[in-house]
Amino acid sequence: MTKSIKDIDWKKWSPKIRATLLFIFKENEILLIHKKTGLGKGKINAPGGKIEEGESPYDCAIRETFEEVCVQPSDVKKAGELFFQFVDGLTIHGYVFYTDQYLGTPTETREANPFWCSVDEIPYDKMWEDDITWLPCLLSKDYFHGYYIFDDEKMIDAYVTTDF
């Protein structure tokens, strides 16, 4: 069982799932969701989801945000990348984006219940454990890579860098 980030050859590592997250900012607030379906159901996160065949991460982030919270983001910028190795074999490569430009009003859907949250009061205790390690990079607009090992929902090891 892989227990350390150093046990993995990340250059040869291959994800089974490619996915996105898109954080929308409004003044000193960030749009988050109570996730109602899929991996992470019950947790707080940002809108996002799996990249479809032939779709770019950028296009996926915009599509998933519209599908999950009924807003159309624009002027989207890439914030970082996340690499997850689960001990059960699941592997996920996540692309994180952000914007402060959007049209529409965040609306609850079958997949998500959106809410605005002060950036000073982000509920890390209701999110995936890794979020507290990389979200500060996003908030300070530092491009990042985060590498993680999880056993189900328990983070075993983590490494975040902004040095490239």
N, C-alpha and C. Protein backbone atom coordinates (compact mmCIF):
# COMPACT_ATOMS: atom_id res chain seq x y z
N MET A 1 0.85 -1.19 0.00
CA MET A 1 0.00 0.00 0.00
C MET A 1 0.89 1.25 0.00
N THR A 2 0.61 2.17 -0.90
CA THR A 2 1.35 3.42 -1.00
C THR A 2 0.98 4.32 0.18
N LYS A 3 2.00 4.75 0.92
CA LYS A 3 1.74 5.59 2.09
C LYS A 3 2.47 6.93 2.02
N SER A 4 3.32 7.10 1.02
CA SER A 4 4.10 8.33 0.93
C SER A 4 4.10 8.86 -0.50
N ILE A 5 4.06 10.16 -0.62
CA ILE A 5 4.15 10.82 -1.92
C ILE A 5 5.42 10.38 -2.65
N LYS A 6 6.48 10.15 -1.88
CA LYS A 6 7.77 9.77 -2.46
C LYS A 6 7.78 8.37 -3.05
N ASP A 7 6.77 7.55 -2.70
CA ASP A 7 6.68 6.18 -3.22
C ASP A 7 6.19 6.13 -4.66
N ILE A 8 5.72 7.26 -5.19
CA ILE A 8 5.08 7.29 -6.51
C ILE A 8 5.99 8.00 -7.51
N ASP A 9 6.14 7.40 -8.68
CA ASP A 9 6.85 8.06 -9.78
C ASP A 9 5.81 8.90 -10.52
N TRP A 10 5.69 10.17 -10.14
CA TRP A 10 4.64 11.04 -10.66
C TRP A 10 4.79 11.31 -12.15
N LYS A 11 6.00 11.12 -12.71
CA LYS A 11 6.20 11.33 -14.15
C LYS A 11 5.56 10.19 -14.95
N LYS A 12 5.45 9.00 -14.35
CA LYS A 12 4.84 7.84 -15.01
C LYS A 12 3.40 7.61 -14.55
N TRP A 13 3.00 8.28 -13.51
CA TRP A 13 1.66 8.15 -12.92
C TRP A 13 0.61 8.54 -13.95
N SER A 14 -0.51 7.81 -13.98
CA SER A 14 -1.56 8.09 -14.95
C SER A 14 -2.92 8.12 -14.25
N PRO A 15 -3.70 9.17 -14.48
CA PRO A 15 -5.01 9.24 -13.81
C PRO A 15 -6.08 8.44 -14.52
N LYS A 16 -6.98 7.86 -13.74
CA LYS A 16 -8.17 7.20 -14.29
C LYS A 16 -9.25 8.23 -14.56
N ILE A 17 -9.26 9.30 -13.77
CA ILE A 17 -10.24 10.36 -13.89
C ILE A 17 -9.52 11.70 -14.02
N ARG A 18 -10.00 12.52 -14.95
CA ARG A 18 -9.55 13.91 -15.06
C ARG A 18 -10.76 14.78 -14.74
N ALA A 19 -10.57 15.75 -13.86
CA ALA A 19 -11.70 16.54 -13.39
C ALA A 19 -11.30 17.99 -13.16
N THR A 20 -12.29 18.82 -12.89
CA THR A 20 -12.05 20.25 -12.67
C THR A 20 -12.78 20.76 -11.44
N LEU A 21 -12.31 21.89 -10.95
CA LEU A 21 -12.99 22.71 -9.96
C LEU A 21 -12.90 24.14 -10.43
N LEU A 22 -13.96 24.92 -10.22
CA LEU A 22 -13.94 26.32 -10.59
C LEU A 22 -14.48 27.16 -9.44
N PHE A 23 -13.63 28.03 -8.90
CA PHE A 23 -13.99 28.89 -7.80
C PHE A 23 -14.35 30.27 -8.34
N ILE A 24 -15.52 30.75 -7.95
CA ILE A 24 -15.98 32.07 -8.36
C ILE A 24 -15.90 33.01 -7.16
N PHE A 25 -15.29 34.17 -7.39
CA PHE A 25 -15.14 35.18 -6.34
C PHE A 25 -16.06 36.36 -6.60
N LYS A 26 -16.59 36.91 -5.52
CA LYS A 26 -17.39 38.13 -5.57
C LYS A 26 -16.96 38.97 -4.36
N GLU A 27 -16.22 40.06 -4.61
CA GLU A 27 -15.66 40.89 -3.54
C GLU A 27 -14.87 39.99 -2.60
N ASN A 28 -15.25 39.91 -1.31
CA ASN A 28 -14.50 39.11 -0.35
C ASN A 28 -15.16 37.75 -0.10
N GLU A 29 -15.94 37.29 -1.09
CA GLU A 29 -16.64 36.02 -0.94
C GLU A 29 -16.25 35.05 -2.05
N ILE A 30 -16.48 33.77 -1.75
CA ILE A 30 -16.19 32.70 -2.70
C ILE A 30 -17.44 31.83 -2.79
N LEU A 31 -17.76 31.40 -4.01
CA LEU A 31 -18.93 30.53 -4.22
C LEU A 31 -18.52 29.08 -3.96
N LEU A 32 -19.18 28.45 -3.00
CA LEU A 32 -18.95 27.05 -2.68
C LEU A 32 -20.26 26.30 -2.86
N ILE A 33 -20.18 24.98 -2.82
CA ILE A 33 -21.37 24.15 -2.94
C ILE A 33 -21.40 23.09 -1.85
N HIS A 34 -22.62 22.72 -1.45
CA HIS A 34 -22.84 21.49 -0.71
C HIS A 34 -23.06 20.45 -1.80
N LYS A 35 -22.13 19.49 -1.91
CA LYS A 35 -22.20 18.49 -2.98
C LYS A 35 -23.24 17.44 -2.63
N LYS A 36 -24.16 17.20 -3.56
CA LYS A 36 -25.29 16.32 -3.31
C LYS A 36 -25.18 14.95 -3.97
N THR A 37 -24.22 14.77 -4.91
CA THR A 37 -24.08 13.50 -5.63
C THR A 37 -22.61 13.15 -5.83
N GLY A 38 -22.33 11.91 -6.15
CA GLY A 38 -21.00 11.47 -6.58
C GLY A 38 -19.93 11.48 -5.50
N LEU A 39 -18.68 11.39 -5.95
CA LEU A 39 -17.53 11.39 -5.06
C LEU A 39 -17.53 12.68 -4.24
N GLY A 40 -17.45 12.56 -2.94
CA GLY A 40 -17.47 13.73 -2.08
C GLY A 40 -18.86 14.19 -1.68
N LYS A 41 -19.87 13.38 -1.98
CA LYS A 41 -21.24 13.71 -1.60
C LYS A 41 -21.28 14.06 -0.12
N GLY A 42 -21.95 15.19 0.20
CA GLY A 42 -22.05 15.63 1.59
C GLY A 42 -20.97 16.61 2.00
N LYS A 43 -19.94 16.73 1.20
CA LYS A 43 -18.85 17.67 1.50
C LYS A 43 -19.11 19.01 0.84
N ILE A 44 -18.38 20.01 1.31
CA ILE A 44 -18.40 21.32 0.68
C ILE A 44 -17.22 21.37 -0.28
N ASN A 45 -17.46 21.94 -1.45
CA ASN A 45 -16.45 22.01 -2.49
C ASN A 45 -16.77 23.20 -3.39
N ALA A 46 -16.15 23.24 -4.54
CA ALA A 46 -16.48 24.21 -5.59
C ALA A 46 -17.19 23.46 -6.71
N PRO A 47 -17.90 24.16 -7.57
CA PRO A 47 -18.47 23.49 -8.73
C PRO A 47 -17.37 22.83 -9.57
N GLY A 48 -17.70 21.72 -10.18
CA GLY A 48 -16.73 21.03 -11.03
C GLY A 48 -17.18 19.62 -11.31
N GLY A 49 -16.35 18.91 -12.04
CA GLY A 49 -16.70 17.53 -12.35
C GLY A 49 -15.76 16.92 -13.35
N LYS A 50 -16.14 15.75 -13.84
CA LYS A 50 -15.30 14.96 -14.73
C LYS A 50 -15.23 15.56 -16.13
N ILE A 51 -14.03 15.51 -16.69
CA ILE A 51 -13.78 15.96 -18.06
C ILE A 51 -14.28 14.88 -19.01
N GLU A 52 -15.07 15.28 -19.99
CA GLU A 52 -15.60 14.34 -20.98
C GLU A 52 -14.59 14.13 -22.10
N GLU A 53 -14.76 13.03 -22.80
CA GLU A 53 -13.89 12.68 -23.94
C GLU A 53 -13.83 13.85 -24.92
N GLY A 54 -12.62 14.29 -25.28
CA GLY A 54 -12.42 15.36 -26.24
C GLY A 54 -12.61 16.76 -25.68
N GLU A 55 -12.93 16.87 -24.41
CA GLU A 55 -13.18 18.17 -23.79
C GLU A 55 -11.91 18.68 -23.10
N SER A 56 -11.66 19.97 -23.16
CA SER A 56 -10.51 20.54 -22.46
C SER A 56 -10.88 20.77 -20.99
N PRO A 57 -9.89 20.81 -20.10
CA PRO A 57 -10.19 21.13 -18.70
C PRO A 57 -10.91 22.48 -18.57
N TYR A 58 -10.49 23.47 -19.33
CA TYR A 58 -11.10 24.79 -19.31
C TYR A 58 -12.60 24.71 -19.66
N ASP A 59 -12.91 24.03 -20.77
CA ASP A 59 -14.31 23.90 -21.19
C ASP A 59 -15.13 23.11 -20.18
N CYS A 60 -14.53 22.08 -19.60
CA CYS A 60 -15.21 21.28 -18.58
C CYS A 60 -15.56 22.14 -17.37
N ALA A 61 -14.63 22.95 -16.92
CA ALA A 61 -14.87 23.78 -15.73
C ALA A 61 -16.07 24.70 -15.96
N ILE A 62 -16.14 25.29 -17.14
CA ILE A 62 -17.25 26.20 -17.46
C ILE A 62 -18.56 25.41 -17.56
N ARG A 63 -18.54 24.28 -18.26
CA ARG A 63 -19.75 23.46 -18.42
C ARG A 63 -20.26 22.96 -17.08
N GLU A 64 -19.38 22.38 -16.28
CA GLU A 64 -19.79 21.82 -15.00
C GLU A 64 -20.33 22.90 -14.06
N THR A 65 -19.73 24.09 -14.08
CA THR A 65 -20.22 25.18 -13.23
C THR A 65 -21.63 25.57 -13.63
N PHE A 66 -21.87 25.65 -14.93
CA PHE A 66 -23.22 25.98 -15.39
C PHE A 66 -24.21 24.88 -15.01
N GLU A 67 -23.82 23.62 -15.20
CA GLU A 67 -24.71 22.50 -14.88
C GLU A 67 -25.02 22.41 -13.39
N GLU A 68 -24.02 22.70 -12.55
CA GLU A 68 -24.19 22.51 -11.11
C GLU A 68 -24.83 23.70 -10.40
N VAL A 69 -24.57 24.93 -10.85
CA VAL A 69 -25.06 26.10 -10.12
C VAL A 69 -25.74 27.15 -10.99
N CYS A 70 -25.91 26.86 -12.29
CA CYS A 70 -26.67 27.72 -13.21
C CYS A 70 -26.07 29.11 -13.42
N VAL A 71 -24.75 29.22 -13.32
CA VAL A 71 -24.09 30.48 -13.67
C VAL A 71 -23.11 30.22 -14.80
N GLN A 72 -22.91 31.22 -15.64
CA GLN A 72 -22.01 31.13 -16.78
C GLN A 72 -20.74 31.92 -16.47
N PRO A 73 -19.65 31.23 -16.09
CA PRO A 73 -18.41 31.94 -15.80
C PRO A 73 -17.71 32.40 -17.07
N SER A 74 -16.95 33.48 -16.96
CA SER A 74 -16.11 33.96 -18.07
C SER A 74 -14.80 34.46 -17.49
N ASP A 75 -13.85 34.79 -18.37
CA ASP A 75 -12.52 35.24 -17.96
C ASP A 75 -11.92 34.29 -16.92
N VAL A 76 -12.03 32.99 -17.20
CA VAL A 76 -11.57 31.95 -16.28
C VAL A 76 -10.05 31.80 -16.38
N LYS A 77 -9.41 31.69 -15.21
CA LYS A 77 -7.95 31.55 -15.15
C LYS A 77 -7.59 30.25 -14.44
N LYS A 78 -6.49 29.65 -14.90
CA LYS A 78 -6.02 28.41 -14.27
C LYS A 78 -5.27 28.76 -12.98
N ALA A 79 -5.58 28.01 -11.91
CA ALA A 79 -4.98 28.28 -10.60
C ALA A 79 -3.96 27.23 -10.19
N GLY A 80 -4.16 25.99 -10.64
CA GLY A 80 -3.24 24.94 -10.23
C GLY A 80 -3.74 23.57 -10.65
N GLU A 81 -3.00 22.55 -10.22
CA GLU A 81 -3.34 21.17 -10.54
C GLU A 81 -3.20 20.32 -9.29
N LEU A 82 -4.06 19.31 -9.20
CA LEU A 82 -4.08 18.39 -8.08
C LEU A 82 -3.93 16.97 -8.59
N PHE A 83 -3.14 16.17 -7.88
CA PHE A 83 -2.86 14.79 -8.26
C PHE A 83 -3.19 13.90 -7.06
N PHE A 84 -4.21 13.05 -7.23
CA PHE A 84 -4.67 12.20 -6.13
C PHE A 84 -4.44 10.74 -6.43
N GLN A 85 -3.79 10.06 -5.49
CA GLN A 85 -3.64 8.61 -5.53
C GLN A 85 -4.38 8.07 -4.32
N PHE A 86 -5.38 7.22 -4.58
CA PHE A 86 -6.11 6.57 -3.49
C PHE A 86 -5.54 5.17 -3.31
N VAL A 87 -5.51 4.70 -2.07
CA VAL A 87 -4.92 3.38 -1.82
C VAL A 87 -5.70 2.26 -2.49
N ASP A 88 -6.97 2.50 -2.83
CA ASP A 88 -7.75 1.47 -3.52
C ASP A 88 -7.48 1.44 -5.02
N GLY A 89 -6.58 2.33 -5.51
CA GLY A 89 -6.20 2.34 -6.92
C GLY A 89 -6.79 3.49 -7.72
N LEU A 90 -7.79 4.17 -7.20
CA LEU A 90 -8.36 5.32 -7.89
C LEU A 90 -7.31 6.42 -8.04
N THR A 91 -7.24 7.01 -9.22
CA THR A 91 -6.31 8.12 -9.46
C THR A 91 -7.08 9.25 -10.14
N ILE A 92 -6.84 10.48 -9.67
CA ILE A 92 -7.55 11.64 -10.20
C ILE A 92 -6.56 12.77 -10.43
N HIS A 93 -6.63 13.37 -11.62
CA HIS A 93 -5.87 14.58 -11.94
C HIS A 93 -6.88 15.71 -12.00
N GLY A 94 -6.77 16.66 -11.10
CA GLY A 94 -7.70 17.77 -11.03
C GLY A 94 -7.08 19.07 -11.50
N TYR A 95 -7.85 19.84 -12.24
CA TYR A 95 -7.45 21.16 -12.71
C TYR A 95 -8.29 22.18 -11.98
N VAL A 96 -7.65 23.16 -11.35
CA VAL A 96 -8.36 24.15 -10.55
C VAL A 96 -8.33 25.49 -11.27
N PHE A 97 -9.50 26.12 -11.35
CA PHE A 97 -9.66 27.41 -12.03
C PHE A 97 -10.35 28.39 -11.10
N TYR A 98 -10.28 29.68 -11.49
CA TYR A 98 -11.00 30.71 -10.74
C TYR A 98 -11.40 31.86 -11.66
N THR A 99 -12.38 32.62 -11.20
CA THR A 99 -12.80 33.81 -11.92
C THR A 99 -13.58 34.71 -10.97
N ASP A 100 -13.76 35.96 -11.37
CA ASP A 100 -14.68 36.85 -10.68
C ASP A 100 -15.71 37.40 -11.67
N GLN A 101 -15.77 36.77 -12.84
CA GLN A 101 -16.70 37.19 -13.89
C GLN A 101 -17.69 36.05 -14.18
N TYR A 102 -18.98 36.37 -14.09
CA TYR A 102 -20.00 35.37 -14.36
C TYR A 102 -21.34 36.06 -14.60
N LEU A 103 -22.22 35.33 -15.26
CA LEU A 103 -23.60 35.78 -15.47
C LEU A 103 -24.54 34.80 -14.81
N GLY A 104 -25.60 35.31 -14.21
CA GLY A 104 -26.60 34.46 -13.59
C GLY A 104 -26.54 34.50 -12.08
N THR A 105 -27.52 33.84 -11.49
CA THR A 105 -27.63 33.75 -10.04
C THR A 105 -27.41 32.30 -9.63
N PRO A 106 -26.47 32.04 -8.72
CA PRO A 106 -26.26 30.66 -8.27
C PRO A 106 -27.58 30.05 -7.77
N THR A 107 -27.90 28.89 -8.33
CA THR A 107 -29.17 28.23 -8.07
C THR A 107 -28.94 26.76 -7.75
N GLU A 108 -29.69 26.24 -6.79
CA GLU A 108 -29.57 24.83 -6.42
C GLU A 108 -30.03 23.94 -7.57
N THR A 109 -29.30 22.84 -7.77
CA THR A 109 -29.63 21.84 -8.77
C THR A 109 -29.64 20.46 -8.11
N ARG A 110 -29.88 19.44 -8.90
CA ARG A 110 -29.85 18.07 -8.40
C ARG A 110 -28.47 17.71 -7.83
N GLU A 111 -27.43 18.35 -8.37
CA GLU A 111 -26.06 18.01 -7.97
C GLU A 111 -25.48 18.85 -6.84
N ALA A 112 -25.96 20.09 -6.69
CA ALA A 112 -25.28 20.99 -5.77
C ALA A 112 -26.21 22.07 -5.21
N ASN A 113 -25.92 22.47 -3.98
CA ASN A 113 -26.60 23.59 -3.35
C ASN A 113 -25.54 24.68 -3.11
N PRO A 114 -25.53 25.74 -3.94
CA PRO A 114 -24.49 26.76 -3.85
C PRO A 114 -24.74 27.77 -2.73
N PHE A 115 -23.64 28.33 -2.22
CA PHE A 115 -23.75 29.40 -1.22
C PHE A 115 -22.48 30.25 -1.27
N TRP A 116 -22.63 31.52 -0.94
CA TRP A 116 -21.50 32.44 -0.86
C TRP A 116 -20.93 32.36 0.54
N CYS A 117 -19.60 32.39 0.63
CA CYS A 117 -18.90 32.27 1.90
C CYS A 117 -17.77 33.30 1.94
N SER A 118 -17.60 33.96 3.06
CA SER A 118 -16.47 34.87 3.21
C SER A 118 -15.17 34.08 3.06
N VAL A 119 -14.19 34.64 2.36
CA VAL A 119 -12.90 33.94 2.21
C VAL A 119 -12.21 33.78 3.56
N ASP A 120 -12.62 34.54 4.55
CA ASP A 120 -12.05 34.43 5.90
C ASP A 120 -12.75 33.37 6.74
N GLU A 121 -13.84 32.78 6.21
CA GLU A 121 -14.61 31.81 6.97
C GLU A 121 -14.86 30.52 6.19
N ILE A 122 -13.91 30.14 5.35
CA ILE A 122 -14.05 28.92 4.55
C ILE A 122 -14.17 27.72 5.50
N PRO A 123 -15.20 26.89 5.35
CA PRO A 123 -15.45 25.77 6.28
C PRO A 123 -14.59 24.54 5.97
N TYR A 124 -13.28 24.67 6.19
CA TYR A 124 -12.36 23.57 5.87
C TYR A 124 -12.76 22.26 6.56
N ASP A 125 -13.36 22.34 7.73
CA ASP A 125 -13.73 21.13 8.47
C ASP A 125 -14.85 20.34 7.79
N LYS A 126 -15.50 20.93 6.78
CA LYS A 126 -16.56 20.24 6.04
C LYS A 126 -16.13 19.92 4.61
N MET A 127 -14.85 20.09 4.32
CA MET A 127 -14.30 19.89 2.97
C MET A 127 -13.36 18.69 2.98
N TRP A 128 -12.88 18.32 1.80
CA TRP A 128 -11.83 17.32 1.72
C TRP A 128 -10.62 17.83 2.50
N GLU A 129 -9.89 16.91 3.16
CA GLU A 129 -8.75 17.29 4.00
C GLU A 129 -7.67 18.06 3.24
N ASP A 130 -7.51 17.78 1.95
CA ASP A 130 -6.44 18.42 1.19
C ASP A 130 -6.70 19.90 0.94
N ASP A 131 -7.96 20.33 0.97
CA ASP A 131 -8.29 21.70 0.57
C ASP A 131 -7.53 22.75 1.37
N ILE A 132 -7.33 22.51 2.65
CA ILE A 132 -6.64 23.50 3.48
C ILE A 132 -5.16 23.63 3.10
N THR A 133 -4.62 22.64 2.38
CA THR A 133 -3.21 22.69 1.99
C THR A 133 -2.97 23.50 0.72
N TRP A 134 -3.97 23.61 -0.17
CA TRP A 134 -3.76 24.31 -1.43
C TRP A 134 -4.67 25.52 -1.64
N LEU A 135 -5.82 25.57 -0.97
CA LEU A 135 -6.72 26.70 -1.17
C LEU A 135 -6.08 28.05 -0.82
N PRO A 136 -5.22 28.12 0.20
CA PRO A 136 -4.52 29.39 0.44
C PRO A 136 -3.68 29.85 -0.76
N CYS A 137 -3.13 28.92 -1.53
CA CYS A 137 -2.40 29.28 -2.75
C CYS A 137 -3.35 29.91 -3.76
N LEU A 138 -4.52 29.31 -3.93
CA LEU A 138 -5.53 29.85 -4.82
C LEU A 138 -5.92 31.27 -4.38
N LEU A 139 -6.17 31.44 -3.09
CA LEU A 139 -6.59 32.74 -2.58
C LEU A 139 -5.54 33.82 -2.79
N SER A 140 -4.26 33.44 -2.75
CA SER A 140 -3.18 34.42 -2.96
C SER A 140 -2.74 34.47 -4.42
N LYS A 141 -3.43 33.71 -5.30
CA LYS A 141 -3.16 33.67 -6.75
C LYS A 141 -1.76 33.13 -7.07
N ASP A 142 -1.28 32.21 -6.22
CA ASP A 142 -0.02 31.51 -6.48
C ASP A 142 -0.34 30.21 -7.20
N TYR A 143 0.16 30.02 -8.42
CA TYR A 143 -0.06 28.78 -9.15
C TYR A 143 0.57 27.63 -8.37
N PHE A 144 -0.13 26.51 -8.25
CA PHE A 144 0.32 25.43 -7.39
C PHE A 144 0.12 24.07 -8.04
N HIS A 145 0.86 23.10 -7.52
CA HIS A 145 0.63 21.68 -7.76
C HIS A 145 0.52 21.03 -6.39
N GLY A 146 -0.51 20.19 -6.22
CA GLY A 146 -0.68 19.46 -4.98
C GLY A 146 -0.72 17.98 -5.25
N TYR A 147 0.02 17.21 -4.46
CA TYR A 147 0.11 15.76 -4.61
C TYR A 147 -0.40 15.12 -3.33
N TYR A 148 -1.29 14.12 -3.47
CA TYR A 148 -1.96 13.57 -2.30
C TYR A 148 -2.13 12.07 -2.39
N ILE A 149 -2.10 11.45 -1.21
CA ILE A 149 -2.47 10.06 -1.07
C ILE A 149 -3.63 10.01 -0.08
N PHE A 150 -4.70 9.33 -0.50
CA PHE A 150 -5.89 9.19 0.33
C PHE A 150 -6.23 7.72 0.52
N ASP A 151 -6.72 7.39 1.71
CA ASP A 151 -7.35 6.11 1.98
C ASP A 151 -8.81 6.44 2.23
N ASP A 152 -9.64 6.19 1.23
CA ASP A 152 -11.04 6.60 1.23
C ASP A 152 -11.07 8.13 1.40
N GLU A 153 -11.61 8.66 2.49
CA GLU A 153 -11.67 10.11 2.67
C GLU A 153 -10.59 10.62 3.62
N LYS A 154 -9.66 9.76 4.02
CA LYS A 154 -8.60 10.13 4.95
C LYS A 154 -7.31 10.43 4.19
N MET A 155 -6.78 11.65 4.35
CA MET A 155 -5.52 12.02 3.70
C MET A 155 -4.36 11.37 4.47
N ILE A 156 -3.49 10.66 3.74
CA ILE A 156 -2.36 9.98 4.34
C ILE A 156 -1.08 10.79 4.19
N ASP A 157 -0.92 11.43 3.01
CA ASP A 157 0.29 12.21 2.76
C ASP A 157 -0.06 13.32 1.78
N ALA A 158 0.73 14.41 1.85
CA ALA A 158 0.47 15.56 0.99
C ALA A 158 1.76 16.33 0.73
N TYR A 159 1.81 16.93 -0.45
CA TYR A 159 2.91 17.82 -0.81
C TYR A 159 2.36 18.87 -1.76
N VAL A 160 2.55 20.14 -1.43
CA VAL A 160 2.10 21.24 -2.28
C VAL A 160 3.30 22.11 -2.60
N THR A 161 3.39 22.49 -3.86
CA THR A 161 4.48 23.38 -4.28
C THR A 161 3.97 24.49 -5.18
N THR A 162 4.62 25.64 -5.06
CA THR A 162 4.38 26.76 -5.96
C THR A 162 5.66 27.08 -6.72
N ASP A 163 6.68 26.23 -6.55
CA ASP A 163 7.97 26.40 -7.22
C ASP A 163 7.99 25.60 -8.52
N PHE A 164 8.17 26.30 -9.64
CA PHE A 164 8.23 25.61 -10.94
C PHE A 164 9.44 26.07 -11.71
